């Protein structure tokens, strides 16, 4: 018996890296998987069917069920087609993992409008396009479901040279927190993933560009996917709206925290009063 027997999952950007590992892990635990991948390069150019097809064959060779889809996540039509592909192949959708993404890294001063637009379109709009179709399907089916959206530490903590990517990933986190609140009424659980792994999107980033064999093993994208299986399963049926850092064998919940701060009983704060309450590196923390 698998953790996800009888479930149907969609994984976007599943032709390689973390997405491929998600698809394999979900299938290993009994889910039928729609493997979506546009088949382009990491900057979003080009397309092809080989990447998605290879993962489908890998799942089938291991005794699982899978079908391929090559639609563009960043269009409403593409999102609808991805949903329809899962319905045509497996008649329903229980799990959606939004993983598709690209990079166009550059310092902000050198980030052009097209570099900004394409990254936001693929990540943030792409998450909307696929989720909107699948969420409404889950709502109408009235059987609940799980949606896991991929954010990033670049969006939640910040990273040099990734203002476009960080903005899109932070937007995904905000979108997901709101959707989690709405989804409770329909039994639809929503989570946010901030994965850290060595993939073709990260292999030339500082810290990964000179990885030795031990680091490559530790940062294998397969380290991320067991959490996906758990969150998608009935074992996590009472959990929603959480954000998880995951990678290198570590799983940690990430939170947006509002400290107690300081309150002024009457009147406006003066700039000097505010300055008097500040400490280096701290913003109105409690006493």
C-alpha atoms as a PDB file:
ATOM      1  CA  UNK A   1       0.000   0.000   0.000  1.00  0.00           C
ATOM      2  CA  UNK A   2       1.289   3.425  -0.961  1.00  0.00           C
ATOM      3  CA  UNK A   3       0.665   6.706   0.809  1.00  0.00           C
ATOM      4  CA  UNK A   4      -1.169   8.058  -2.239  1.00  0.00           C
ATOM      5  CA  UNK A   5      -2.938   5.060  -3.709  1.00  0.00           C
ATOM      6  CA  UNK A   6      -5.837   6.132  -5.911  1.00  0.00           C
ATOM      7  CA  UNK A   7      -4.762   9.786  -6.023  1.00  0.00           C
ATOM      8  CA  UNK A   8      -4.074  11.789  -9.170  1.00  0.00           C
ATOM      9  CA  UNK A   9      -1.329  14.409  -9.180  1.00  0.00           C
ATOM     10  CA  UNK A  10      -0.188  17.128 -11.554  1.00  0.00           C
ATOM     11  CA  UNK A  11       3.427  18.278 -11.324  1.00  0.00           C
ATOM     12  CA  UNK A  12       4.486  21.221 -13.473  1.00  0.00           C
ATOM     13  CA  UNK A  13       8.072  21.577 -14.608  1.00  0.00           C
ATOM     14  CA  UNK A  14       8.479  17.872 -13.940  1.00  0.00           C
ATOM     15  CA  UNK A  15      10.896  17.090 -16.771  1.00  0.00           C
ATOM     16  CA  UNK A  16      13.990  17.500 -14.619  1.00  0.00           C
ATOM     17  CA  UNK A  17      15.434  18.576 -11.292  1.00  0.00           C
ATOM     18  CA  UNK A  18      13.112  18.914  -8.319  1.00  0.00           C
ATOM     19  CA  UNK A  19       9.967  18.475 -10.426  1.00  0.00           C
ATOM     20  CA  UNK A  20      11.156  15.143 -11.762  1.00  0.00           C
ATOM     21  CA  UNK A  21      11.865  13.931  -8.229  1.00  0.00           C
ATOM     22  CA  UNK A  22       8.403  15.059  -7.119  1.00  0.00           C
ATOM     23  CA  UNK A  23       6.792  13.111  -9.948  1.00  0.00           C
ATOM     24  CA  UNK A  24       8.812   9.979  -9.216  1.00  0.00           C
ATOM     25  CA  UNK A  25       8.135  10.158  -5.480  1.00  0.00           C
ATOM     26  CA  UNK A  26       4.395  10.682  -5.911  1.00  0.00           C
ATOM     27  CA  UNK A  27       4.179   7.817  -8.401  1.00  0.00           C
ATOM     28  CA  UNK A  28       6.196   5.520  -6.123  1.00  0.00           C
ATOM     29  CA  UNK A  29       3.570   6.034  -3.425  1.00  0.00           C
ATOM     30  CA  UNK A  30       0.730   5.107  -5.762  1.00  0.00           C
ATOM     31  CA  UNK A  31      -0.374   8.367  -7.352  1.00  0.00           C
ATOM     32  CA  UNK A  32      -1.071   8.616 -11.071  1.00  0.00           C
ATOM     33  CA  UNK A  33       0.955  11.576 -12.302  1.00  0.00           C
ATOM     34  CA  UNK A  34       0.518  14.069 -15.112  1.00  0.00           C
ATOM     35  CA  UNK A  35       4.072  15.117 -15.945  1.00  0.00           C
ATOM     36  CA  UNK A  36       3.990  18.656 -17.318  1.00  0.00           C
ATOM     37  CA  UNK A  37       7.043  20.232 -18.896  1.00  0.00           C
ATOM     38  CA  UNK A  38       7.390  22.733 -21.731  1.00  0.00           C
ATOM     39  CA  UNK A  39      10.813  21.271 -22.463  1.00  0.00           C
ATOM     40  CA  UNK A  40      12.673  24.559 -22.716  1.00  0.00           C
ATOM     41  CA  UNK A  41      16.006  25.733 -21.363  1.00  0.00           C
ATOM     42  CA  UNK A  42      16.414  27.208 -17.923  1.00  0.00           C
ATOM     43  CA  UNK A  43      15.978  30.767 -19.247  1.00  0.00           C
ATOM     44  CA  UNK A  44      12.593  29.834 -20.695  1.00  0.00           C
ATOM     45  CA  UNK A  45      13.580  29.653 -24.346  1.00  0.00           C
ATOM     46  CA  UNK A  46      12.772  26.711 -26.578  1.00  0.00           C
ATOM     47  CA  UNK A  47      10.429  23.805 -26.052  1.00  0.00           C
ATOM     48  CA  UNK A  48      10.186  20.084 -26.671  1.00  0.00           C
ATOM     49  CA  UNK A  49       8.600  16.852 -25.529  1.00  0.00           C
ATOM     50  CA  UNK A  50      11.617  14.744 -24.633  1.00  0.00           C
ATOM     51  CA  UNK A  51      11.933  15.818 -20.999  1.00  0.00           C
ATOM     52  CA  UNK A  52       8.350  15.061 -20.002  1.00  0.00           C
ATOM     53  CA  UNK A  53       8.302  11.864 -22.047  1.00  0.00           C
ATOM     54  CA  UNK A  54      11.461  10.567 -20.364  1.00  0.00           C
ATOM     55  CA  UNK A  55       9.983  10.993 -16.880  1.00  0.00           C
ATOM     56  CA  UNK A  56       6.739   9.331 -17.933  1.00  0.00           C
ATOM     57  CA  UNK A  57       8.676   6.348 -19.246  1.00  0.00           C
ATOM     58  CA  UNK A  58      10.697   6.213 -16.028  1.00  0.00           C
ATOM     59  CA  UNK A  59       7.524   6.096 -13.948  1.00  0.00           C
ATOM     60  CA  UNK A  60       5.935   3.449 -16.169  1.00  0.00           C
ATOM     61  CA  UNK A  61       9.078   1.331 -16.129  1.00  0.00           C
ATOM     62  CA  UNK A  62       8.852   1.286 -12.332  1.00  0.00           C
ATOM     63  CA  UNK A  63       5.237   0.085 -12.524  1.00  0.00           C
ATOM     64  CA  UNK A  64       3.523   3.427 -12.016  1.00  0.00           C
ATOM     65  CA  UNK A  65       0.977   5.354 -14.051  1.00  0.00           C
ATOM     66  CA  UNK A  66       1.848   8.604 -15.806  1.00  0.00           C
ATOM     67  CA  UNK A  67       0.954  10.775 -18.766  1.00  0.00           C
ATOM     68  CA  UNK A  68       2.812  13.654 -20.370  1.00  0.00           C
ATOM     69  CA  UNK A  69       1.742  17.237 -20.982  1.00  0.00           C
ATOM     70  CA  UNK A  70       3.712  19.947 -22.749  1.00  0.00           C
ATOM     71  CA  UNK A  71       1.554  23.056 -22.215  1.00  0.00           C
ATOM     72  CA  UNK A  72       2.849  26.452 -21.137  1.00  0.00           C
ATOM     73  CA  UNK A  73       1.903  27.132 -17.512  1.00  0.00           C
ATOM     74  CA  UNK A  74       2.046  30.896 -17.998  1.00  0.00           C
ATOM     75  CA  UNK A  75      -1.167  31.175 -20.024  1.00  0.00           C
ATOM     76  CA  UNK A  76      -4.753  30.653 -18.926  1.00  0.00           C
ATOM     77  CA  UNK A  77      -5.258  28.335 -21.886  1.00  0.00           C
ATOM     78  CA  UNK A  78      -2.203  26.341 -20.842  1.00  0.00           C
ATOM     79  CA  UNK A  79      -3.520  25.993 -17.295  1.00  0.00           C
ATOM     80  CA  UNK A  80      -6.861  24.718 -18.565  1.00  0.00           C
ATOM     81  CA  UNK A  81      -5.120  22.286 -20.919  1.00  0.00           C
ATOM     82  CA  UNK A  82      -2.974  20.917 -18.103  1.00  0.00           C
ATOM     83  CA  UNK A  83      -6.076  20.226 -16.021  1.00  0.00           C
ATOM     84  CA  UNK A  84      -7.817  18.660 -19.005  1.00  0.00           C
ATOM     85  CA  UNK A  85      -4.803  16.471 -19.685  1.00  0.00           C
ATOM     86  CA  UNK A  86      -5.057  15.002 -16.191  1.00  0.00           C
ATOM     87  CA  UNK A  87      -8.808  14.502 -16.493  1.00  0.00           C
ATOM     88  CA  UNK A  88      -8.462  12.855 -19.900  1.00  0.00           C
ATOM     89  CA  UNK A  89      -5.808  10.492 -18.588  1.00  0.00           C
ATOM     90  CA  UNK A  90      -7.026   9.831 -15.045  1.00  0.00           C
ATOM     91  CA  UNK A  91     -10.509  11.405 -14.715  1.00  0.00           C
ATOM     92  CA  UNK A  92      -9.741  13.595 -11.689  1.00  0.00           C
ATOM     93  CA  UNK A  93      -7.115  15.680  -9.872  1.00  0.00           C
ATOM     94  CA  UNK A  94      -6.347  15.433  -6.160  1.00  0.00           C
ATOM     95  CA  UNK A  95      -2.883  16.992  -5.970  1.00  0.00           C
ATOM     96  CA  UNK A  96      -1.237  19.911  -7.740  1.00  0.00           C
ATOM     97  CA  UNK A  97       2.434  20.755  -7.355  1.00  0.00           C
ATOM     98  CA  UNK A  98       3.343  24.027  -9.065  1.00  0.00           C
ATOM     99  CA  UNK A  99       7.053  23.680  -9.702  1.00  0.00           C
ATOM    100  CA  UNK A 100       7.720  25.082 -13.191  1.00  0.00           C
ATOM    101  CA  UNK A 101      10.208  27.930 -13.304  1.00  0.00           C
ATOM    102  CA  UNK A 102      12.974  29.748 -15.143  1.00  0.00           C
ATOM    103  CA  UNK A 103      15.816  32.100 -14.298  1.00  0.00           C
ATOM    104  CA  UNK A 104      16.935  35.393 -15.818  1.00  0.00           C
ATOM    105  CA  UNK A 105      19.349  36.503 -13.091  1.00  0.00           C
ATOM    106  CA  UNK A 106      20.921  39.947 -13.202  1.00  0.00           C
ATOM    107  CA  UNK A 107      21.640  42.738 -10.746  1.00  0.00           C
ATOM    108  CA  UNK A 108      18.619  45.010 -10.527  1.00  0.00           C
ATOM    109  CA  UNK A 109      20.294  47.946 -12.287  1.00  0.00           C
ATOM    110  CA  UNK A 110      20.812  45.667 -15.281  1.00  0.00           C
ATOM    111  CA  UNK A 111      17.431  43.920 -15.182  1.00  0.00           C
ATOM    112  CA  UNK A 112      15.531  44.834 -18.330  1.00  0.00           C
ATOM    113  CA  UNK A 113      11.754  44.887 -18.640  1.00  0.00           C
ATOM    114  CA  UNK A 114      11.679  41.669 -20.665  1.00  0.00           C
ATOM    115  CA  UNK A 115      13.808  39.892 -18.035  1.00  0.00           C
ATOM    116  CA  UNK A 116      11.398  41.039 -15.353  1.00  0.00           C
ATOM    117  CA  UNK A 117       8.218  40.211 -17.244  1.00  0.00           C
ATOM    118  CA  UNK A 118       9.106  36.688 -18.329  1.00  0.00           C
ATOM    119  CA  UNK A 119      10.203  35.572 -14.863  1.00  0.00           C
ATOM    120  CA  UNK A 120       7.096  37.000 -13.205  1.00  0.00           C
ATOM    121  CA  UNK A 121       4.938  35.503 -15.962  1.00  0.00           C
ATOM    122  CA  UNK A 122       6.286  31.973 -15.636  1.00  0.00           C
ATOM    123  CA  UNK A 123       6.485  31.823 -11.850  1.00  0.00           C
ATOM    124  CA  UNK A 124       3.715  34.016 -10.477  1.00  0.00           C
ATOM    125  CA  UNK A 125       1.224  34.095 -13.335  1.00  0.00           C
ATOM    126  CA  UNK A 126       2.002  30.462 -14.112  1.00  0.00           C
ATOM    127  CA  UNK A 127       1.094  29.495 -10.571  1.00  0.00           C
ATOM    128  CA  UNK A 128      -2.160  31.423 -10.952  1.00  0.00           C
ATOM    129  CA  UNK A 129      -3.040  29.943 -14.346  1.00  0.00           C
ATOM    130  CA  UNK A 130      -2.677  26.299 -13.358  1.00  0.00           C
ATOM    131  CA  UNK A 131      -4.021  26.733  -9.831  1.00  0.00           C
ATOM    132  CA  UNK A 132      -7.128  28.593 -10.981  1.00  0.00           C
ATOM    133  CA  UNK A 133      -8.152  25.735 -13.245  1.00  0.00           C
ATOM    134  CA  UNK A 134      -7.327  22.994 -10.754  1.00  0.00           C
ATOM    135  CA  UNK A 135      -8.734  24.783  -7.694  1.00  0.00           C
ATOM    136  CA  UNK A 136     -12.101  25.236  -9.393  1.00  0.00           C
ATOM    137  CA  UNK A 137     -12.083  21.587 -10.448  1.00  0.00           C
ATOM    138  CA  UNK A 138     -11.421  20.535  -6.856  1.00  0.00           C
ATOM    139  CA  UNK A 139     -14.103  22.906  -5.566  1.00  0.00           C
ATOM    140  CA  UNK A 140     -16.716  21.584  -7.984  1.00  0.00           C
ATOM    141  CA  UNK A 141     -15.779  17.958  -7.330  1.00  0.00           C
ATOM    142  CA  UNK A 142     -16.275  18.617  -3.598  1.00  0.00           C
ATOM    143  CA  UNK A 143     -13.692  15.999  -2.661  1.00  0.00           C
ATOM    144  CA  UNK A 144     -11.007  18.341  -1.360  1.00  0.00           C
ATOM    145  CA  UNK A 145      -7.426  18.389  -2.581  1.00  0.00           C
ATOM    146  CA  UNK A 146      -3.892  19.565  -2.005  1.00  0.00           C
ATOM    147  CA  UNK A 147      -2.052  22.393  -3.764  1.00  0.00           C
ATOM    148  CA  UNK A 148       1.659  22.885  -3.138  1.00  0.00           C
ATOM    149  CA  UNK A 149       3.225  26.027  -4.587  1.00  0.00           C
ATOM    150  CA  UNK A 150       6.946  26.531  -4.957  1.00  0.00           C
ATOM    151  CA  UNK A 151       8.335  29.739  -3.505  1.00  0.00           C
ATOM    152  CA  UNK A 152      12.023  30.279  -2.715  1.00  0.00           C
ATOM    153  CA  UNK A 153      14.373  31.548  -0.049  1.00  0.00           C
ATOM    154  CA  UNK A 154      15.208  34.245  -2.611  1.00  0.00           C
ATOM    155  CA  UNK A 155      11.676  35.548  -2.246  1.00  0.00           C
ATOM    156  CA  UNK A 156      11.319  34.947   1.483  1.00  0.00           C
ATOM    157  CA  UNK A 157      14.818  35.957   2.635  1.00  0.00           C
ATOM    158  CA  UNK A 158      16.317  37.740  -0.385  1.00  0.00           C
ATOM    159  CA  UNK A 159      19.271  37.011  -2.668  1.00  0.00           C
ATOM    160  CA  UNK A 160      21.636  39.127  -4.753  1.00  0.00           C
ATOM    161  CA  UNK A 161      20.860  39.328  -8.458  1.00  0.00           C
ATOM    162  CA  UNK A 162      17.387  37.843  -8.201  1.00  0.00           C
ATOM    163  CA  UNK A 163      15.010  40.774  -7.763  1.00  0.00           C
ATOM    164  CA  UNK A 164      12.767  39.527 -10.556  1.00  0.00           C
ATOM    165  CA  UNK A 165      12.801  35.938  -9.323  1.00  0.00           C
ATOM    166  CA  UNK A 166      12.495  36.962  -5.667  1.00  0.00           C
ATOM    167  CA  UNK A 167       9.535  39.211  -6.382  1.00  0.00           C
ATOM    168  CA  UNK A 168       7.728  36.421  -8.229  1.00  0.00           C
ATOM    169  CA  UNK A 169       8.486  33.874  -5.527  1.00  0.00           C
ATOM    170  CA  UNK A 170       7.392  36.227  -2.738  1.00  0.00           C
ATOM    171  CA  UNK A 171       4.182  36.797  -4.691  1.00  0.00           C
ATOM    172  CA  UNK A 172       3.591  33.053  -4.819  1.00  0.00           C
ATOM    173  CA  UNK A 173       3.940  32.867  -1.040  1.00  0.00           C
ATOM    174  CA  UNK A 174       1.437  35.673  -0.499  1.00  0.00           C
ATOM    175  CA  UNK A 175      -0.979  34.179  -3.003  1.00  0.00           C
ATOM    176  CA  UNK A 176      -0.739  30.791  -1.314  1.00  0.00           C
ATOM    177  CA  UNK A 177      -1.363  32.120   2.180  1.00  0.00           C
ATOM    178  CA  UNK A 178      -4.545  33.816   0.969  1.00  0.00           C
ATOM    179  CA  UNK A 179      -5.688  30.755  -0.982  1.00  0.00           C
ATOM    180  CA  UNK A 180      -5.125  28.517   2.036  1.00  0.00           C
ATOM    181  CA  UNK A 181      -7.650  30.607   3.973  1.00  0.00           C
ATOM    182  CA  UNK A 182     -10.224  30.379   1.172  1.00  0.00           C
ATOM    183  CA  UNK A 183      -9.607  26.684   0.578  1.00  0.00           C
ATOM    184  CA  UNK A 184     -10.516  25.586   4.099  1.00  0.00           C
ATOM    185  CA  UNK A 185     -14.220  25.846   3.264  1.00  0.00           C
ATOM    186  CA  UNK A 186     -13.781  23.313   0.460  1.00  0.00           C
ATOM    187  CA  UNK A 187     -11.289  20.976   2.083  1.00  0.00           C
ATOM    188  CA  UNK A 188      -8.513  22.212  -0.204  1.00  0.00           C
ATOM    189  CA  UNK A 189      -5.171  22.418   1.574  1.00  0.00           C
ATOM    190  CA  UNK A 190      -2.481  24.793   0.326  1.00  0.00           C
ATOM    191  CA  UNK A 191       1.200  24.840   1.236  1.00  0.00           C
ATOM    192  CA  UNK A 192       4.288  26.794   0.275  1.00  0.00           C
ATOM    193  CA  UNK A 193       7.619  25.159  -0.472  1.00  0.00           C
ATOM    194  CA  UNK A 194      11.008  26.868  -0.294  1.00  0.00           C
ATOM    195  CA  UNK A 195      13.326  24.154  -1.621  1.00  0.00           C
ATOM    196  CA  UNK A 196      17.113  24.224  -1.692  1.00  0.00           C
ATOM    197  CA  UNK A 197      18.756  21.741  -4.068  1.00  0.00           C
ATOM    198  CA  UNK A 198      21.393  21.378  -6.750  1.00  0.00           C
ATOM    199  CA  UNK A 199      19.659  21.483 -10.147  1.00  0.00           C
ATOM    200  CA  UNK A 200      20.235  23.032 -13.558  1.00  0.00           C
ATOM    201  CA  UNK A 201      18.670  26.239 -12.189  1.00  0.00           C
ATOM    202  CA  UNK A 202      21.140  26.456  -9.321  1.00  0.00           C
ATOM    203  CA  UNK A 203      24.321  24.669 -10.405  1.00  0.00           C
ATOM    204  CA  UNK A 204      26.162  27.891 -11.288  1.00  0.00           C
ATOM    205  CA  UNK A 205      24.948  29.975  -8.346  1.00  0.00           C
ATOM    206  CA  UNK A 206      27.406  30.925  -5.579  1.00  0.00           C
ATOM    207  CA  UNK A 207      27.710  28.059  -3.141  1.00  0.00           C
ATOM    208  CA  UNK A 208      26.700  25.485  -5.735  1.00  0.00           C
ATOM    209  CA  UNK A 209      29.055  26.300  -8.595  1.00  0.00           C
ATOM    210  CA  UNK A 210      31.989  24.417  -7.039  1.00  0.00           C
ATOM    211  CA  UNK A 211      30.083  21.639  -5.304  1.00  0.00           C
ATOM    212  CA  UNK A 212      32.063  18.496  -4.515  1.00  0.00           C
ATOM    213  CA  UNK A 213      30.583  15.013  -4.610  1.00  0.00           C
ATOM    214  CA  UNK A 214      29.592  15.071  -0.946  1.00  0.00           C
ATOM    215  CA  UNK A 215      27.731  18.341  -1.384  1.00  0.00           C
ATOM    216  CA  UNK A 216      26.067  17.108  -4.562  1.00  0.00           C
ATOM    217  CA  UNK A 217      24.750  14.083  -2.677  1.00  0.00           C
ATOM    218  CA  UNK A 218      23.550  16.186   0.248  1.00  0.00           C
ATOM    219  CA  UNK A 219      21.815  18.718  -2.015  1.00  0.00           C
ATOM    220  CA  UNK A 220      20.261  16.105  -4.300  1.00  0.00           C
ATOM    221  CA  UNK A 221      16.776  17.322  -5.328  1.00  0.00           C
ATOM    222  CA  UNK A 222      15.419  13.947  -4.228  1.00  0.00           C
ATOM    223  CA  UNK A 223      15.908  15.213  -0.667  1.00  0.00           C
ATOM    224  CA  UNK A 224      12.996  17.622  -1.202  1.00  0.00           C
ATOM    225  CA  UNK A 225      10.280  15.280  -2.434  1.00  0.00           C
ATOM    226  CA  UNK A 226       9.441  13.137   0.632  1.00  0.00           C
ATOM    227  CA  UNK A 227       7.896  16.263   2.174  1.00  0.00           C
ATOM    228  CA  UNK A 228       5.662  16.605  -0.895  1.00  0.00           C
ATOM    229  CA  UNK A 229       4.420  13.061  -0.426  1.00  0.00           C
ATOM    230  CA  UNK A 230       3.634  13.680   3.231  1.00  0.00           C
ATOM    231  CA  UNK A 231       1.823  16.983   2.612  1.00  0.00           C
ATOM    232  CA  UNK A 232      -0.218  15.425  -0.184  1.00  0.00           C
ATOM    233  CA  UNK A 233      -1.245  12.470   1.949  1.00  0.00           C
ATOM    234  CA  UNK A 234      -4.071  12.011   4.432  1.00  0.00           C
ATOM    235  CA  UNK A 235      -1.451  11.989   7.185  1.00  0.00           C
ATOM    236  CA  UNK A 236      -1.337  15.794   6.759  1.00  0.00           C
ATOM    237  CA  UNK A 237      -5.096  16.284   6.395  1.00  0.00           C
ATOM    238  CA  UNK A 238      -5.275  18.760   9.268  1.00  0.00           C
ATOM    239  CA  UNK A 239      -2.419  20.976   8.080  1.00  0.00           C
ATOM    240  CA  UNK A 240      -2.742  23.894   5.672  1.00  0.00           C
ATOM    241  CA  UNK A 241      -1.205  27.278   4.983  1.00  0.00           C
ATOM    242  CA  UNK A 242       2.313  26.313   6.046  1.00  0.00           C
ATOM    243  CA  UNK A 243       5.616  27.370   4.513  1.00  0.00           C
ATOM    244  CA  UNK A 244       8.462  24.864   4.550  1.00  0.00           C
ATOM    245  CA  UNK A 245      12.176  25.246   3.948  1.00  0.00           C
ATOM    246  CA  UNK A 246      13.419  21.879   2.715  1.00  0.00           C
ATOM    247  CA  UNK A 247      16.738  20.616   1.376  1.00  0.00           C
ATOM    248  CA  UNK A 248      19.973  18.947   2.369  1.00  0.00           C
ATOM    249  CA  UNK A 249      18.154  16.692   4.814  1.00  0.00           C
ATOM    250  CA  UNK A 250      16.625  19.623   6.711  1.00  0.00           C
ATOM    251  CA  UNK A 251      12.947  20.540   6.981  1.00  0.00           C
ATOM    252  CA  UNK A 252      11.921  23.690   8.828  1.00  0.00           C
ATOM    253  CA  UNK A 253       8.766  25.770   8.975  1.00  0.00           C
ATOM    254  CA  UNK A 254       9.255  29.362   7.882  1.00  0.00           C
ATOM    255  CA  UNK A 255       7.035  32.045   9.405  1.00  0.00           C
ATOM    256  CA  UNK A 256       6.250  35.716   8.971  1.00  0.00           C
ATOM    257  CA  UNK A 257       6.436  36.944  12.565  1.00  0.00           C
ATOM    258  CA  UNK A 258       5.023  40.161  14.007  1.00  0.00           C
ATOM    259  CA  UNK A 259       6.744  40.972  17.288  1.00  0.00           C
ATOM    260  CA  UNK A 260       4.956  42.597  20.213  1.00  0.00           C
ATOM    261  CA  UNK A 261       6.733  45.839  19.455  1.00  0.00           C
ATOM    262  CA  UNK A 262       6.055  49.107  21.275  1.00  0.00           C
ATOM    263  CA  UNK A 263       2.789  50.964  21.663  1.00  0.00           C
ATOM    264  CA  UNK A 264       2.280  54.692  22.276  1.00  0.00           C
ATOM    265  CA  UNK A 265      -0.741  55.414  24.442  1.00  0.00           C
ATOM    266  CA  UNK A 266      -1.661  58.752  22.903  1.00  0.00           C
ATOM    267  CA  UNK A 267      -0.582  61.013  20.084  1.00  0.00           C
ATOM    268  CA  UNK A 268       1.724  60.443  17.159  1.00  0.00           C
ATOM    269  CA  UNK A 269       5.147  58.929  17.428  1.00  0.00           C
ATOM    270  CA  UNK A 270       7.885  61.455  16.913  1.00  0.00           C
ATOM    271  CA  UNK A 271      10.862  60.442  14.766  1.00  0.00           C
ATOM    272  CA  UNK A 272      13.109  60.825  17.819  1.00  0.00           C
ATOM    273  CA  UNK A 273      10.899  58.570  19.937  1.00  0.00           C
ATOM    274  CA  UNK A 274      11.098  55.931  17.249  1.00  0.00           C
ATOM    275  CA  UNK A 275      14.866  56.325  17.008  1.00  0.00           C
ATOM    276  CA  UNK A 276      15.157  55.896  20.781  1.00  0.00           C
ATOM    277  CA  UNK A 277      13.402  52.534  20.583  1.00  0.00           C
ATOM    278  CA  UNK A 278      15.589  51.139  17.831  1.00  0.00           C
ATOM    279  CA  UNK A 279      18.616  48.940  18.280  1.00  0.00           C
ATOM    280  CA  UNK A 280      21.128  47.999  15.584  1.00  0.00           C
ATOM    281  CA  UNK A 281      19.531  45.308  13.487  1.00  0.00           C
ATOM    282  CA  UNK A 282      16.288  45.374  15.469  1.00  0.00           C
ATOM    283  CA  UNK A 283      12.991  47.095  14.704  1.00  0.00           C
ATOM    284  CA  UNK A 284      10.805  47.831  17.713  1.00  0.00           C
ATOM    285  CA  UNK A 285      11.362  44.471  19.338  1.00  0.00           C
ATOM    286  CA  UNK A 286       9.702  43.718  22.688  1.00  0.00           C
ATOM    287  CA  UNK A 287      11.600  44.465  25.878  1.00  0.00           C
END
